[in-house]
Amino acid sequence: MEEIGVRDLKTHASEIVRRVREEQAQYTVTYRGKPVGVLMPLSDAPKVAAGMQESWMRLAALREKMARLPRPQRSLTETLDEIRR
């Protein structure tokens, strides 16, 4: 996926939207070099949403698994304090 800065997106918006529409191009939008969003054809959105849903389901299953584990005798803070001494 090609990266595009906010300034370039603003300057070339019409051309970029045309590429997304006609060529199914996808862009990662960056602000000061850091990714902040994605520009893609709307037809691709359900695929992305399905992948996100799967990730959330796996995360929920992991949370449930961790909740069943026994609690430690000491907190992590107490353990770190002891190590630092």
Protein backbone atom coordinates (compact mmCIF):
# COMPACT_ATOMS: atom_id res chain seq x y z
CA MET A 1 0.00 0.00 0.00
CA GLU A 2 1.46 3.32 -1.06
CA GLU A 3 1.97 6.06 1.54
CA ILE A 4 0.84 9.62 0.95
CA GLY A 5 1.33 12.62 3.18
CA VAL A 6 -1.56 14.87 4.16
CA ARG A 7 -0.05 17.78 2.22
CA ASP A 8 0.21 15.70 -0.98
CA LEU A 9 -3.31 14.39 -0.44
CA LYS A 10 -4.60 17.94 -0.20
CA THR A 11 -2.68 19.08 -3.26
CA HIS A 12 -3.55 16.10 -5.47
CA ALA A 13 -6.93 15.03 -4.02
CA SER A 14 -8.75 14.78 -7.36
CA GLU A 15 -6.05 12.62 -8.95
CA ILE A 16 -5.77 10.38 -5.90
CA VAL A 17 -9.53 9.84 -5.64
CA ARG A 18 -9.61 9.05 -9.36
CA ARG A 19 -6.92 6.38 -8.85
CA VAL A 20 -8.83 4.90 -5.92
CA ARG A 21 -12.04 4.82 -7.96
CA GLU A 22 -10.66 3.63 -11.30
CA GLU A 23 -7.54 1.64 -10.39
CA GLN A 24 -8.63 0.38 -6.94
CA ALA A 25 -5.52 2.05 -5.48
CA GLN A 26 -5.02 2.06 -1.72
CA TYR A 27 -3.08 4.62 0.29
CA THR A 28 -1.83 4.90 3.84
CA VAL A 29 -2.27 8.56 4.78
CA THR A 30 0.54 9.95 6.93
CA TYR A 31 0.91 13.06 9.04
CA ARG A 32 4.50 14.06 9.76
CA GLY A 33 5.61 10.61 8.63
CA LYS A 34 3.28 8.68 10.95
CA PRO A 35 0.34 6.64 9.57
CA VAL A 36 -3.03 8.15 10.52
CA GLY A 37 -5.50 6.55 8.14
CA VAL A 38 -6.20 4.52 5.06
CA LEU A 39 -7.79 5.57 1.78
CA MET A 40 -9.23 2.67 -0.20
CA PRO A 41 -12.15 1.78 -2.44
CA LEU A 42 -15.37 1.36 -0.51
CA SER A 43 -15.75 -2.10 -2.05
CA ASP A 44 -12.69 -3.24 -0.04
CA ALA A 45 -14.08 -2.01 3.30
CA PRO A 46 -16.08 -5.17 4.17
CA LYS A 47 -12.92 -7.28 3.80
CA VAL A 48 -11.03 -4.99 6.16
CA ALA A 49 -13.93 -4.91 8.62
CA ALA A 50 -14.11 -8.72 8.60
CA GLY A 51 -10.41 -8.94 9.41
CA MET A 52 -10.83 -6.48 12.26
CA GLN A 53 -13.80 -8.42 13.62
CA GLU A 54 -11.73 -11.61 13.63
CA SER A 55 -8.93 -9.84 15.51
CA TRP A 56 -11.36 -8.53 18.16
CA MET A 57 -12.82 -12.02 18.60
CA ARG A 58 -9.34 -13.51 19.12
CA LEU A 59 -8.53 -10.76 21.61
CA ALA A 60 -11.76 -11.44 23.55
CA ALA A 61 -10.96 -15.17 23.65
CA LEU A 62 -7.47 -14.42 24.98
CA ARG A 63 -8.93 -12.13 27.64
CA GLU A 64 -11.29 -14.88 28.79
CA LYS A 65 -8.43 -17.40 28.90
CA MET A 66 -6.28 -15.03 30.97
CA ALA A 67 -9.18 -14.32 33.34
CA ARG A 68 -9.32 -18.04 34.22
CA LEU A 69 -5.64 -18.13 35.23
CA PRO A 70 -4.86 -18.01 38.95
CA ARG A 71 -3.96 -14.60 40.35
CA PRO A 72 -0.33 -14.16 41.47
CA GLN A 73 0.44 -13.80 45.18
CA ARG A 74 2.21 -10.47 44.64
CA SER A 75 1.52 -7.60 42.27
CA LEU A 76 3.85 -6.81 39.42
CA THR A 77 4.79 -3.56 41.17
CA GLU A 78 5.86 -5.44 44.29
CA THR A 79 7.93 -7.87 42.24
CA LEU A 80 9.66 -5.05 40.35
CA ASP A 81 10.40 -3.21 43.59
CA GLU A 82 12.04 -6.34 44.97
CA ILE A 83 14.16 -6.81 41.83
CA ARG A 84 15.39 -3.21 41.96
CA ARG A 85 16.69 -3.53 45.52
